[in-house]
Amino acid sequence: MPLLCPYREQAILAPVRIIARSTLTRFVESMAGQREQRAVKAALDAWFHEADNADWTTSADVKESYANASIVGSDCVVFNIKGNDYRLIAAVDYKRRIVFIKWLGTHAAYDKIDARTVRYGD
């Protein structure tokens, strides 16, 4: 539940926690020497900052921010990264305002997994 500011009639939402940014960093580092590395890093940094500042309380809020995101369960969202060349699967706890990055990879690798059942580290 949002905290109410006594000086204004507007809600102040707790910041979103994203677990874990190191997943994004490791993925970019694993691309060392590939010409796409800088573009992927820029796209992931943009996603991180947008998600970090998001005000998502429902999956509809996610869709409003990311029209191309796929909602694949009550808490699972698949984001298209870098023009859909990459996919990021996250579990979103809307109540606690936590986004947990479960999986990140190429679109081709994504086609070989089940987004609903993927676990962190798969």
PDB file of N, CA and C in Angstrom:
ATOM      1  N   MET A   1       0.845  -1.176   0.000  1.00  0.00           N
ATOM      2  CA  MET A   1       0.000   0.000   0.000  1.00  0.00           C
ATOM      3  C   MET A   1       0.885   1.231   0.000  1.00  0.00           C
ATOM      4  N   PRO A   2       0.581   2.219  -0.824  1.00  0.00           N
ATOM      5  CA  PRO A   2       1.390   3.419  -0.892  1.00  0.00           C
ATOM      6  C   PRO A   2       1.348   4.210   0.403  1.00  0.00           C
ATOM      7  N   LEU A   3       2.433   4.888   0.694  1.00  0.00           N
ATOM      8  CA  LEU A   3       2.478   5.793   1.837  1.00  0.00           C
ATOM      9  C   LEU A   3       1.916   7.127   1.399  1.00  0.00           C
ATOM     10  N   LEU A   4       1.197   7.780   2.280  1.00  0.00           N
ATOM     11  CA  LEU A   4       0.650   9.085   1.932  1.00  0.00           C
ATOM     12  C   LEU A   4       1.522  10.180   2.524  1.00  0.00           C
ATOM     13  N   CYS A   5       1.828  11.138   1.718  1.00  0.00           N
ATOM     14  CA  CYS A   5       2.626  12.272   2.148  1.00  0.00           C
ATOM     15  C   CYS A   5       1.705  13.249   2.893  1.00  0.00           C
ATOM     16  N   PRO A   6       2.066  13.655   4.101  1.00  0.00           N
ATOM     17  CA  PRO A   6       1.173  14.548   4.858  1.00  0.00           C
ATOM     18  C   PRO A   6       1.059  15.940   4.236  1.00  0.00           C
ATOM     19  N   TYR A   7       1.983  16.321   3.374  1.00  0.00           N
ATOM     20  CA  TYR A   7       1.974  17.651   2.792  1.00  0.00           C
ATOM     21  C   TYR A   7       1.260  17.711   1.451  1.00  0.00           C
ATOM     22  N   ARG A   8       1.031  16.561   0.859  1.00  0.00           N
ATOM     23  CA  ARG A   8       0.359  16.504  -0.433  1.00  0.00           C
ATOM     24  C   ARG A   8      -0.644  15.367  -0.392  1.00  0.00           C
ATOM     25  N   GLU A   9      -1.581  15.418  -1.288  1.00  0.00           N
ATOM     26  CA  GLU A   9      -2.564  14.355  -1.373  1.00  0.00           C
ATOM     27  C   GLU A   9      -2.175  13.357  -2.451  1.00  0.00           C
ATOM     28  N   GLN A  10      -0.912  13.051  -2.523  1.00  0.00           N
ATOM     29  CA  GLN A  10      -0.480  12.113  -3.536  1.00  0.00           C
ATOM     30  C   GLN A  10       0.291  10.991  -2.862  1.00  0.00           C
ATOM     31  N   ALA A  11       0.181   9.826  -3.428  1.00  0.00           N
ATOM     32  CA  ALA A  11       0.848   8.665  -2.860  1.00  0.00           C
ATOM     33  C   ALA A  11       2.329   8.690  -3.214  1.00  0.00           C
ATOM     34  N   ILE A  12       3.139   8.250  -2.257  1.00  0.00           N
ATOM     35  CA  ILE A  12       4.564   8.082  -2.491  1.00  0.00           C
ATOM     36  C   ILE A  12       4.821   6.586  -2.479  1.00  0.00           C
ATOM     37  N   LEU A  13       5.237   6.066  -3.609  1.00  0.00           N
ATOM     38  CA  LEU A  13       5.459   4.640  -3.710  1.00  0.00           C
ATOM     39  C   LEU A  13       6.897   4.295  -3.368  1.00  0.00           C
ATOM     40  N   ALA A  14       7.053   3.178  -2.692  1.00  0.00           N
ATOM     41  CA  ALA A  14       8.398   2.695  -2.404  1.00  0.00           C
ATOM     42  C   ALA A  14       9.074   2.358  -3.722  1.00  0.00           C
ATOM     43  N   PRO A  15      10.389   2.518  -3.795  1.00  0.00           N
ATOM     44  CA  PRO A  15      11.074   2.198  -5.039  1.00  0.00           C
ATOM     45  C   PRO A  15      10.966   0.708  -5.365  1.00  0.00           C
ATOM     46  N   VAL A  16      11.039   0.412  -6.637  1.00  0.00           N
ATOM     47  CA  VAL A  16      11.026  -0.976  -7.090  1.00  0.00           C
ATOM     48  C   VAL A  16      12.407  -1.566  -6.829  1.00  0.00           C
ATOM     49  N   ARG A  17      12.438  -2.794  -6.350  1.00  0.00           N
ATOM     50  CA  ARG A  17      13.711  -3.509  -6.208  1.00  0.00           C
ATOM     51  C   ARG A  17      13.829  -4.470  -7.369  1.00  0.00           C
ATOM     52  N   ILE A  18      14.964  -4.456  -8.020  1.00  0.00           N
ATOM     53  CA  ILE A  18      15.212  -5.384  -9.111  1.00  0.00           C
ATOM     54  C   ILE A  18      16.308  -6.335  -8.658  1.00  0.00           C
ATOM     55  N   ILE A  19      15.988  -7.609  -8.692  1.00  0.00           N
ATOM     56  CA  ILE A  19      16.928  -8.643  -8.256  1.00  0.00           C
ATOM     57  C   ILE A  19      17.267  -9.489  -9.464  1.00  0.00           C
ATOM     58  N   ALA A  20      18.401  -9.560  -9.907  1.00  0.00           N
ATOM     59  CA  ALA A  20      19.585  -8.835  -9.511  1.00  0.00           C
ATOM     60  C   ALA A  20      20.203  -8.208 -10.750  1.00  0.00           C
ATOM     61  N   ARG A  21      20.641  -6.985 -10.573  1.00  0.00           N
ATOM     62  CA  ARG A  21      21.278  -6.297 -11.698  1.00  0.00           C
ATOM     63  C   ARG A  21      22.522  -7.050 -12.159  1.00  0.00           C
ATOM     64  N   SER A  22      23.146  -7.771 -11.249  1.00  0.00           N
ATOM     65  CA  SER A  22      24.347  -8.538 -11.607  1.00  0.00           C
ATOM     66  C   SER A  22      24.049  -9.562 -12.705  1.00  0.00           C
ATOM     67  N   THR A  23      22.816 -10.029 -12.807  1.00  0.00           N
ATOM     68  CA  THR A  23      22.432 -10.939 -13.891  1.00  0.00           C
ATOM     69  C   THR A  23      22.611 -10.248 -15.237  1.00  0.00           C
ATOM     70  N   LEU A  24      22.214  -8.998 -15.306  1.00  0.00           N
ATOM     71  CA  LEU A  24      22.364  -8.226 -16.538  1.00  0.00           C
ATOM     72  C   LEU A  24      23.841  -7.991 -16.841  1.00  0.00           C
ATOM     73  N   THR A  25      24.591  -7.633 -15.808  1.00  0.00           N
ATOM     74  CA  THR A  25      26.016  -7.366 -15.973  1.00  0.00           C
ATOM     75  C   THR A  25      26.759  -8.597 -16.455  1.00  0.00           C
ATOM     76  N   ARG A  26      26.489  -9.736 -15.850  1.00  0.00           N
ATOM     77  CA  ARG A  26      27.156 -10.984 -16.256  1.00  0.00           C
ATOM     78  C   ARG A  26      26.810 -11.344 -17.694  1.00  0.00           C
ATOM     79  N   PHE A  27      25.559 -11.132 -18.083  1.00  0.00           N
ATOM     80  CA  PHE A  27      25.164 -11.442 -19.452  1.00  0.00           C
ATOM     81  C   PHE A  27      25.942 -10.586 -20.438  1.00  0.00           C
ATOM     82  N   VAL A  28      26.032  -9.295 -20.164  1.00  0.00           N
ATOM     83  CA  VAL A  28      26.769  -8.396 -21.056  1.00  0.00           C
ATOM     84  C   VAL A  28      28.240  -8.788 -21.084  1.00  0.00           C
ATOM     85  N   GLU A  29      28.815  -9.104 -19.930  1.00  0.00           N
ATOM     86  CA  GLU A  29      30.219  -9.522 -19.880  1.00  0.00           C
ATOM     87  C   GLU A  29      30.450 -10.805 -20.670  1.00  0.00           C
ATOM     88  N   SER A  30      29.473 -11.683 -20.693  1.00  0.00           N
ATOM     89  CA  SER A  30      29.609 -12.943 -21.436  1.00  0.00           C
ATOM     90  C   SER A  30      29.649 -12.713 -22.946  1.00  0.00           C
ATOM     91  N   MET A  31      29.275 -11.521 -23.372  1.00  0.00           N
ATOM     92  CA  MET A  31      29.265 -11.179 -24.795  1.00  0.00           C
ATOM     93  C   MET A  31      30.565 -10.509 -25.235  1.00  0.00           C
ATOM     94  N   ALA A  32      31.570 -10.512 -24.385  1.00  0.00           N
ATOM     95  CA  ALA A  32      32.841  -9.845 -24.698  1.00  0.00           C
ATOM     96  C   ALA A  32      33.335 -10.261 -26.083  1.00  0.00           C
ATOM     97  N   GLY A  33      33.708  -9.260 -26.867  1.00  0.00           N
ATOM     98  CA  GLY A  33      34.215  -9.516 -28.205  1.00  0.00           C
ATOM     99  C   GLY A  33      33.158  -9.565 -29.284  1.00  0.00           C
ATOM    100  N   GLN A  34      31.896  -9.629 -28.907  1.00  0.00           N
ATOM    101  CA  GLN A  34      30.816  -9.636 -29.895  1.00  0.00           C
ATOM    102  C   GLN A  34      30.442  -8.195 -30.242  1.00  0.00           C
ATOM    103  N   ARG A  35      30.194  -7.947 -31.499  1.00  0.00           N
ATOM    104  CA  ARG A  35      29.906  -6.573 -31.919  1.00  0.00           C
ATOM    105  C   ARG A  35      28.600  -6.038 -31.341  1.00  0.00           C
ATOM    106  N   GLU A  36      27.695  -6.887 -30.926  1.00  0.00           N
ATOM    107  CA  GLU A  36      26.412  -6.441 -30.366  1.00  0.00           C
ATOM    108  C   GLU A  36      26.495  -6.075 -28.889  1.00  0.00           C
ATOM    109  N   GLN A  37      27.623  -6.330 -28.252  1.00  0.00           N
ATOM    110  CA  GLN A  37      27.719  -6.152 -26.806  1.00  0.00           C
ATOM    111  C   GLN A  37      27.301  -4.752 -26.353  1.00  0.00           C
ATOM    112  N   ARG A  38      27.781  -3.713 -27.001  1.00  0.00           N
ATOM    113  CA  ARG A  38      27.449  -2.345 -26.577  1.00  0.00           C
ATOM    114  C   ARG A  38      25.963  -2.052 -26.734  1.00  0.00           C
ATOM    115  N   ALA A  39      25.363  -2.508 -27.823  1.00  0.00           N
ATOM    116  CA  ALA A  39      23.934  -2.263 -28.051  1.00  0.00           C
ATOM    117  C   ALA A  39      23.087  -3.017 -27.036  1.00  0.00           C
ATOM    118  N   VAL A  40      23.484  -4.248 -26.714  1.00  0.00           N
ATOM    119  CA  VAL A  40      22.751  -5.035 -25.719  1.00  0.00           C
ATOM    120  C   VAL A  40      22.883  -4.378 -24.347  1.00  0.00           C
ATOM    121  N   LYS A  41      24.086  -3.932 -24.001  1.00  0.00           N
ATOM    122  CA  LYS A  41      24.278  -3.251 -22.722  1.00  0.00           C
ATOM    123  C   LYS A  41      23.387  -2.016 -22.640  1.00  0.00           C
ATOM    124  N   ALA A  42      23.350  -1.225 -23.697  1.00  0.00           N
ATOM    125  CA  ALA A  42      22.517  -0.018 -23.703  1.00  0.00           C
ATOM    126  C   ALA A  42      21.044  -0.369 -23.541  1.00  0.00           C
ATOM    127  N   ALA A  43      20.595  -1.406 -24.228  1.00  0.00           N
ATOM    128  CA  ALA A  43      19.186  -1.816 -24.139  1.00  0.00           C
ATOM    129  C   ALA A  43      18.853  -2.329 -22.733  1.00  0.00           C
ATOM    130  N   LEU A  44      19.751  -3.106 -22.141  1.00  0.00           N
ATOM    131  CA  LEU A  44      19.512  -3.628 -20.787  1.00  0.00           C
ATOM    132  C   LEU A  44      19.575  -2.509 -19.749  1.00  0.00           C
ATOM    133  N   ASP A  45      20.501  -1.565 -19.918  1.00  0.00           N
ATOM    134  CA  ASP A  45      20.555  -0.424 -19.004  1.00  0.00           C
ATOM    135  C   ASP A  45      19.262   0.388 -19.071  1.00  0.00           C
ATOM    136  N   ALA A  46      18.756   0.587 -20.292  1.00  0.00           N
ATOM    137  CA  ALA A  46      17.497   1.331 -20.459  1.00  0.00           C
ATOM    138  C   ALA A  46      16.350   0.585 -19.784  1.00  0.00           C
ATOM    139  N   TRP A  47      16.277  -0.743 -20.002  1.00  0.00           N
ATOM    140  CA  TRP A  47      15.217  -1.536 -19.357  1.00  0.00           C
ATOM    141  C   TRP A  47      15.330  -1.429 -17.844  1.00  0.00           C
ATOM    142  N   PHE A  48      16.546  -1.569 -17.315  1.00  0.00           N
ATOM    143  CA  PHE A  48      16.743  -1.513 -15.865  1.00  0.00           C
ATOM    144  C   PHE A  48      16.246  -0.190 -15.292  1.00  0.00           C
ATOM    145  N   HIS A  49      16.633   0.921 -15.903  1.00  0.00           N
ATOM    146  CA  HIS A  49      16.239   2.226 -15.375  1.00  0.00           C
ATOM    147  C   HIS A  49      14.735   2.455 -15.511  1.00  0.00           C
ATOM    148  N   GLU A  50      14.140   1.979 -16.585  1.00  0.00           N
ATOM    149  CA  GLU A  50      12.690   2.109 -16.739  1.00  0.00           C
ATOM    150  C   GLU A  50      11.957   1.254 -15.702  1.00  0.00           C
ATOM    151  N   ALA A  51      12.410   0.029 -15.512  1.00  0.00           N
ATOM    152  CA  ALA A  51      11.773  -0.851 -14.525  1.00  0.00           C
ATOM    153  C   ALA A  51      11.998  -0.325 -13.113  1.00  0.00           C
ATOM    154  N   ASP A  52      13.178   0.192 -12.854  1.00  0.00           N
ATOM    155  CA  ASP A  52      13.519   0.720 -11.533  1.00  0.00           C
ATOM    156  C   ASP A  52      12.620   1.892 -11.156  1.00  0.00           C
ATOM    157  N   ASN A  53      12.189   2.649 -12.138  1.00  0.00           N
ATOM    158  CA  ASN A  53      11.336   3.815 -11.889  1.00  0.00           C
ATOM    159  C   ASN A  53       9.861   3.554 -12.180  1.00  0.00           C
ATOM    160  N   ALA A  54       9.536   2.316 -12.467  1.00  0.00           N
ATOM    161  CA  ALA A  54       8.166   1.981 -12.857  1.00  0.00           C
ATOM    162  C   ALA A  54       7.208   2.045 -11.667  1.00  0.00           C
ATOM    163  N   ASP A  55       5.959   2.207 -12.007  1.00  0.00           N
ATOM    164  CA  ASP A  55       4.882   2.230 -11.015  1.00  0.00           C
ATOM    165  C   ASP A  55       3.908   1.106 -11.370  1.00  0.00           C
ATOM    166  N   TRP A  56       4.417  -0.116 -11.404  1.00  0.00           N
ATOM    167  CA  TRP A  56       3.610  -1.259 -11.800  1.00  0.00           C
ATOM    168  C   TRP A  56       2.896  -1.844 -10.587  1.00  0.00           C
ATOM    169  N   THR A  57       1.579  -1.815 -10.625  1.00  0.00           N
ATOM    170  CA  THR A  57       0.810  -2.454  -9.554  1.00  0.00           C
ATOM    171  C   THR A  57       0.017  -3.655 -10.088  1.00  0.00           C
ATOM    172  N   THR A  58      -0.044  -3.763 -11.415  1.00  0.00           N
ATOM    173  CA  THR A  58      -0.715  -4.896 -12.067  1.00  0.00           C
ATOM    174  C   THR A  58      -0.005  -5.186 -13.380  1.00  0.00           C
ATOM    175  N   SER A  59      -0.322  -6.319 -13.971  1.00  0.00           N
ATOM    176  CA  SER A  59       0.245  -6.645 -15.284  1.00  0.00           C
ATOM    177  C   SER A  59      -0.226  -5.652 -16.350  1.00  0.00           C
ATOM    178  N   ALA A  60      -1.394  -5.069 -16.159  1.00  0.00           N
ATOM    179  CA  ALA A  60      -1.880  -4.057 -17.108  1.00  0.00           C
ATOM    180  C   ALA A  60      -0.963  -2.837 -17.113  1.00  0.00           C
ATOM    181  N   ASP A  61      -0.395  -2.502 -15.954  1.00  0.00           N
ATOM    182  CA  ASP A  61       0.550  -1.395 -15.882  1.00  0.00           C
ATOM    183  C   ASP A  61       1.816  -1.708 -16.680  1.00  0.00           C
ATOM    184  N   VAL A  62       2.261  -2.961 -16.610  1.00  0.00           N
ATOM    185  CA  VAL A  62       3.432  -3.378 -17.378  1.00  0.00           C
ATOM    186  C   VAL A  62       3.134  -3.232 -18.865  1.00  0.00           C
ATOM    187  N   LYS A  63       1.963  -3.707 -19.286  1.00  0.00           N
ATOM    188  CA  LYS A  63       1.582  -3.627 -20.701  1.00  0.00           C
ATOM    189  C   LYS A  63       1.471  -2.169 -21.166  1.00  0.00           C
ATOM    190  N   GLU A  64       1.071  -1.298 -20.271  1.00  0.00           N
ATOM    191  CA  GLU A  64       0.992   0.116 -20.628  1.00  0.00           C
ATOM    192  C   GLU A  64       2.394   0.680 -20.901  1.00  0.00           C
ATOM    193  N   SER A  65       3.370   0.230 -20.122  1.00  0.00           N
ATOM    194  CA  SER A  65       4.758   0.676 -20.312  1.00  0.00           C
ATOM    195  C   SER A  65       5.436  -0.055 -21.458  1.00  0.00           C
ATOM    196  N   TYR A  66       5.152  -1.345 -21.578  1.00  0.00           N
ATOM    197  CA  TYR A  66       5.782  -2.214 -22.571  1.00  0.00           C
ATOM    198  C   TYR A  66       4.699  -2.963 -23.329  1.00  0.00           C
ATOM    199  N   ALA A  67       4.186  -2.355 -24.363  1.00  0.00           N
ATOM    200  CA  ALA A  67       3.092  -2.957 -25.133  1.00  0.00           C
ATOM    201  C   ALA A  67       3.480  -4.320 -25.703  1.00  0.00           C
ATOM    202  N   ASN A  68       4.756  -4.533 -25.994  1.00  0.00           N
ATOM    203  CA  ASN A  68       5.202  -5.797 -26.576  1.00  0.00           C
ATOM    204  C   ASN A  68       5.592  -6.842 -25.530  1.00  0.00           C
ATOM    205  N   ALA A  69       5.474  -6.517 -24.254  1.00  0.00           N
ATOM    206  CA  ALA A  69       5.758  -7.507 -23.213  1.00  0.00           C
ATOM    207  C   ALA A  69       4.679  -8.579 -23.247  1.00  0.00           C
ATOM    208  N   SER A  70       5.070  -9.792 -22.903  1.00  0.00           N
ATOM    209  CA  SER A  70       4.107 -10.898 -22.841  1.00  0.00           C
ATOM    210  C   SER A  70       3.870 -11.254 -21.385  1.00  0.00           C
ATOM    211  N   ILE A  71       2.620 -11.256 -20.986  1.00  0.00           N
ATOM    212  CA  ILE A  71       2.244 -11.669 -19.640  1.00  0.00           C
ATOM    213  C   ILE A  71       1.963 -13.163 -19.722  1.00  0.00           C
ATOM    214  N   VAL A  72       2.772 -13.971 -19.055  1.00  0.00           N
ATOM    215  CA  VAL A  72       2.643 -15.426 -19.196  1.00  0.00           C
ATOM    216  C   VAL A  72       2.256 -16.097 -17.879  1.00  0.00           C
ATOM    217  N   GLY A  73       1.680 -15.361 -17.004  1.00  0.00           N
ATOM    218  CA  GLY A  73       1.206 -15.889 -15.729  1.00  0.00           C
ATOM    219  C   GLY A  73       0.874 -14.715 -14.832  1.00  0.00           C
ATOM    220  N   SER A  74       0.408 -15.009 -13.649  1.00  0.00           N
ATOM    221  CA  SER A  74       0.006 -13.930 -12.753  1.00  0.00           C
ATOM    222  C   SER A  74       1.179 -13.056 -12.331  1.00  0.00           C
ATOM    223  N   ASP A  75       2.394 -13.609 -12.365  1.00  0.00           N
ATOM    224  CA  ASP A  75       3.551 -12.828 -11.958  1.00  0.00           C
ATOM    225  C   ASP A  75       4.719 -12.901 -12.940  1.00  0.00           C
ATOM    226  N   CYS A  76       4.534 -13.527 -14.083  1.00  0.00           N
ATOM    227  CA  CYS A  76       5.632 -13.724 -15.033  1.00  0.00           C
ATOM    228  C   CYS A  76       5.447 -12.852 -16.265  1.00  0.00           C
ATOM    229  N   VAL A  77       6.518 -12.102 -16.585  1.00  0.00           N
ATOM    230  CA  VAL A  77       6.488 -11.199 -17.730  1.00  0.00           C
ATOM    231  C   VAL A  77       7.718 -11.454 -18.591  1.00  0.00           C
ATOM    232  N   VAL A  78       7.519 -11.487 -19.893  1.00  0.00           N
ATOM    233  CA  VAL A  78       8.618 -11.617 -20.840  1.00  0.00           C
ATOM    234  C   VAL A  78       8.771 -10.280 -21.561  1.00  0.00           C
ATOM    235  N   PHE A  79       9.965  -9.694 -21.442  1.00  0.00           N
ATOM    236  CA  PHE A  79      10.265  -8.416 -22.076  1.00  0.00           C
ATOM    237  C   PHE A  79      11.113  -8.645 -23.315  1.00  0.00           C
ATOM    238  N   ASN A  80      10.813  -7.919 -24.367  1.00  0.00           N
ATOM    239  CA  ASN A  80      11.637  -7.929 -25.569  1.00  0.00           C
ATOM    240  C   ASN A  80      12.758  -6.912 -25.366  1.00  0.00           C
ATOM    241  N   ILE A  81      13.971  -7.346 -25.629  1.00  0.00           N
ATOM    242  CA  ILE A  81      15.140  -6.495 -25.444  1.00  0.00           C
ATOM    243  C   ILE A  81      15.851  -6.330 -26.784  1.00  0.00           C
ATOM    244  N   LYS A  82      16.268  -5.135 -27.061  1.00  0.00           N
ATOM    245  CA  LYS A  82      17.000  -4.801 -28.292  1.00  0.00           C
ATOM    246  C   LYS A  82      16.244  -5.272 -29.525  1.00  0.00           C
ATOM    247  N   GLY A  83      15.068  -4.716 -29.697  1.00  0.00           N
ATOM    248  CA  GLY A  83      14.280  -5.008 -30.889  1.00  0.00           C
ATOM    249  C   GLY A  83      13.862  -6.453 -31.010  1.00  0.00           C
ATOM    250  N   ASN A  84      13.674  -7.111 -29.883  1.00  0.00           N
ATOM    251  CA  ASN A  84      13.220  -8.509 -29.829  1.00  0.00           C
ATOM    252  C   ASN A  84      14.322  -9.505 -30.189  1.00  0.00           C
ATOM    253  N   ASP A  85      15.580  -9.052 -30.256  1.00  0.00           N
ATOM    254  CA  ASP A  85      16.693  -9.986 -30.475  1.00  0.00           C
ATOM    255  C   ASP A  85      16.969 -10.803 -29.227  1.00  0.00           C
ATOM    256  N   TYR A  86      16.617 -10.237 -28.066  1.00  0.00           N
ATOM    257  CA  TYR A  86      16.850 -10.886 -26.776  1.00  0.00           C
ATOM    258  C   TYR A  86      15.552 -10.866 -25.982  1.00  0.00           C
ATOM    259  N   ARG A  87      15.465 -11.774 -25.034  1.00  0.00           N
ATOM    260  CA  ARG A  87      14.288 -11.847 -24.164  1.00  0.00           C
ATOM    261  C   ARG A  87      14.743 -11.868 -22.713  1.00  0.00           C
ATOM    262  N   LEU A  88      13.981 -11.220 -21.868  1.00  0.00           N
ATOM    263  CA  LEU A  88      14.228 -11.193 -20.435  1.00  0.00           C
ATOM    264  C   LEU A  88      12.952 -11.663 -19.753  1.00  0.00           C
ATOM    265  N   ILE A  89      13.064 -12.696 -18.942  1.00  0.00           N
ATOM    266  CA  ILE A  89      11.909 -13.211 -18.193  1.00  0.00           C
ATOM    267  C   ILE A  89      12.057 -12.752 -16.749  1.00  0.00           C
ATOM    268  N   ALA A  90      11.000 -12.150 -16.228  1.00  0.00           N
ATOM    269  CA  ALA A  90      11.021 -11.659 -14.852  1.00  0.00           C
ATOM    270  C   ALA A  90       9.757 -12.084 -14.124  1.00  0.00           C
ATOM    271  N   ALA A  91       9.941 -12.373 -12.849  1.00  0.00           N
ATOM    272  CA  ALA A  91       8.805 -12.576 -11.954  1.00  0.00           C
ATOM    273  C   ALA A  91       8.571 -11.231 -11.272  1.00  0.00           C
ATOM    274  N   VAL A  92       7.338 -10.760 -11.286  1.00  0.00           N
ATOM    275  CA  VAL A  92       7.026  -9.463 -10.704  1.00  0.00           C
ATOM    276  C   VAL A  92       6.080  -9.659  -9.528  1.00  0.00           C
ATOM    277  N   ASP A  93       6.528  -9.215  -8.359  1.00  0.00           N
ATOM    278  CA  ASP A  93       5.682  -9.210  -7.170  1.00  0.00           C
ATOM    279  C   ASP A  93       5.165  -7.782  -7.042  1.00  0.00           C
ATOM    280  N   TYR A  94       3.963  -7.568  -7.554  1.00  0.00           N
ATOM    281  CA  TYR A  94       3.406  -6.221  -7.612  1.00  0.00           C
ATOM    282  C   TYR A  94       3.181  -5.630  -6.226  1.00  0.00           C
ATOM    283  N   LYS A  95       2.775  -6.445  -5.284  1.00  0.00           N
ATOM    284  CA  LYS A  95       2.485  -5.959  -3.937  1.00  0.00           C
ATOM    285  C   LYS A  95       3.751  -5.497  -3.220  1.00  0.00           C
ATOM    286  N   ARG A  96       4.808  -6.283  -3.331  1.00  0.00           N
ATOM    287  CA  ARG A  96       6.065  -5.949  -2.657  1.00  0.00           C
ATOM    288  C   ARG A  96       6.981  -5.076  -3.507  1.00  0.00           C
ATOM    289  N   ARG A  97       6.589  -4.849  -4.775  1.00  0.00           N
ATOM    290  CA  ARG A  97       7.350  -4.012  -5.697  1.00  0.00           C
ATOM    291  C   ARG A  97       8.745  -4.571  -5.933  1.00  0.00           C
ATOM    292  N   ILE A  98       8.776  -5.874  -6.257  1.00  0.00           N
ATOM    293  CA  ILE A  98      10.027  -6.560  -6.544  1.00  0.00           C
ATOM    294  C   ILE A  98       9.947  -7.173  -7.935  1.00  0.00           C
ATOM    295  N   VAL A  99      11.006  -6.969  -8.720  1.00  0.00           N
ATOM    296  CA  VAL A  99      11.140  -7.594 -10.033  1.00  0.00           C
ATOM    297  C   VAL A  99      12.344  -8.527  -9.937  1.00  0.00           C
ATOM    298  N   PHE A 100      12.113  -9.812 -10.130  1.00  0.00           N
ATOM    299  CA  PHE A 100      13.180 -10.807 -10.046  1.00  0.00           C
ATOM    300  C   PHE A 100      13.497 -11.314 -11.445  1.00  0.00           C
ATOM    301  N   ILE A 101      14.711 -11.040 -11.910  1.00  0.00           N
ATOM    302  CA  ILE A 101      15.131 -11.485 -13.237  1.00  0.00           C
ATOM    303  C   ILE A 101      15.405 -12.982 -13.171  1.00  0.00           C
ATOM    304  N   LYS A 102      14.616 -13.745 -13.910  1.00  0.00           N
ATOM    305  CA  LYS A 102      14.741 -15.200 -13.888  1.00  0.00           C
ATOM    306  C   LYS A 102      15.600 -15.735 -15.020  1.00  0.00           C
ATOM    307  N   TRP A 103      15.564 -15.074 -16.177  1.00  0.00           N
ATOM    308  CA  TRP A 103      16.262 -15.605 -17.349  1.00  0.00           C
ATOM    309  C   TRP A 103      16.503 -14.483 -18.340  1.00  0.00           C
ATOM    310  N   LEU A 104      17.623 -14.579 -19.051  1.00  0.00           N
ATOM    311  CA  LEU A 104      17.957 -13.611 -20.085  1.00  0.00           C
ATOM    312  C   LEU A 104      18.740 -14.340 -21.161  1.00  0.00           C
ATOM    313  N   GLY A 105      18.335 -14.150 -22.407  1.00  0.00           N
ATOM    314  CA  GLY A 105      19.047 -14.810 -23.500  1.00  0.00           C
ATOM    315  C   GLY A 105      18.556 -14.340 -24.852  1.00  0.00           C
ATOM    316  N   THR A 106      19.100 -14.968 -25.874  1.00  0.00           N
ATOM    317  CA  THR A 106      18.690 -14.620 -27.229  1.00  0.00           C
ATOM    318  C   THR A 106      17.271 -15.099 -27.484  1.00  0.00           C
ATOM    319  N   HIS A 107      16.674 -14.540 -28.503  1.00  0.00           N
ATOM    320  CA  HIS A 107      15.328 -14.968 -28.879  1.00  0.00           C
ATOM    321  C   HIS A 107      15.348 -16.445 -29.275  1.00  0.00           C
ATOM    322  N   ALA A 108      16.395 -16.858 -29.971  1.00  0.00           N
ATOM    323  CA  ALA A 108      16.505 -18.261 -30.386  1.00  0.00           C
ATOM    324  C   ALA A 108      16.577 -19.192 -29.175  1.00  0.00           C
ATOM    325  N   ALA A 109      17.329 -18.813 -28.149  1.00  0.00           N
ATOM    326  CA  ALA A 109      17.410 -19.626 -26.929  1.00  0.00           C
ATOM    327  C   ALA A 109      16.069 -19.629 -26.194  1.00  0.00           C
ATOM    328  N   TYR A 110      15.386 -18.490 -26.215  1.00  0.00           N
ATOM    329  CA  TYR A 110      14.069 -18.384 -25.577  1.00  0.00           C
ATOM    330  C   TYR A 110      13.076 -19.365 -26.197  1.00  0.00           C
ATOM    331  N   ASP A 111      13.158 -19.546 -27.501  1.00  0.00           N
ATOM    332  CA  ASP A 111      12.241 -20.454 -28.195  1.00  0.00           C
ATOM    333  C   ASP A 111      12.402 -21.905 -27.746  1.00  0.00           C
ATOM    334  N   LYS A 112      13.497 -22.218 -27.053  1.00  0.00           N
ATOM    335  CA  LYS A 112      13.764 -23.594 -26.610  1.00  0.00           C
ATOM    336  C   LYS A 112      13.379 -23.844 -25.153  1.00  0.00           C
ATOM    337  N   ILE A 113      12.858 -22.831 -24.472  1.00  0.00           N
ATOM    338  CA  ILE A 113      12.497 -22.989 -23.065  1.00  0.00           C
ATOM    339  C   ILE A 113      11.010 -22.704 -22.869  1.00  0.00           C
ATOM    340  N   ASP A 114      10.537 -22.984 -21.665  1.00  0.00           N
ATOM    341  CA  ASP A 114       9.157 -22.657 -21.294  1.00  0.00           C
ATOM    342  C   ASP A 114       9.211 -21.516 -20.292  1.00  0.00           C
ATOM    343  N   ALA A 115       8.775 -20.336 -20.693  1.00  0.00           N
ATOM    344  CA  ALA A 115       8.841 -19.150 -19.832  1.00  0.00           C
ATOM    345  C   ALA A 115       8.094 -19.336 -18.526  1.00  0.00           C
ATOM    346  N   ARG A 116       7.062 -20.154 -18.530  1.00  0.00           N
ATOM    347  CA  ARG A 116       6.261 -20.357 -17.315  1.00  0.00           C
ATOM    348  C   ARG A 116       6.993 -21.154 -16.244  1.00  0.00           C
ATOM    349  N   THR A 117       7.923 -21.998 -16.672  1.00  0.00           N
ATOM    350  CA  THR A 117       8.585 -22.889 -15.714  1.00  0.00           C
ATOM    351  C   THR A 117      10.069 -22.631 -15.551  1.00  0.00           C
ATOM    352  N   VAL A 118      10.624 -21.694 -16.318  1.00  0.00           N
ATOM    353  CA  VAL A 118      12.056 -21.434 -16.232  1.00  0.00           C
ATOM    354  C   VAL A 118      12.421 -20.979 -14.829  1.00  0.00           C
ATOM    355  N   ARG A 119      13.580 -21.421 -14.382  1.00  0.00           N
ATOM    356  CA  ARG A 119      14.060 -21.031 -13.057  1.00  0.00           C
ATOM    357  C   ARG A 119      15.358 -20.279 -13.216  1.00  0.00           C
ATOM    358  N   TYR A 120      15.645 -19.427 -12.255  1.00  0.00           N
ATOM    359  CA  TYR A 120      16.883 -18.669 -12.270  1.00  0.00           C
ATOM    360  C   TYR A 120      18.058 -19.634 -12.370  1.00  0.00           C
ATOM    361  N   GLY A 121      18.964 -19.340 -13.273  1.00  0.00           N
ATOM    362  CA  GLY A 121      20.147 -20.184 -13.438  1.00  0.00           C
ATOM    363  C   GLY A 121      19.999 -21.250 -14.510  1.00  0.00           C
ATOM    364  N   ASP A 122      18.785 -21.415 -15.065  1.00  0.00           N
ATOM    365  CA  ASP A 122      18.595 -22.401 -16.136  1.00  0.00           C
ATOM    366  C   ASP A 122      19.296 -21.947 -17.395  1.00  0.00           C
TER     367      ASP A 122
END
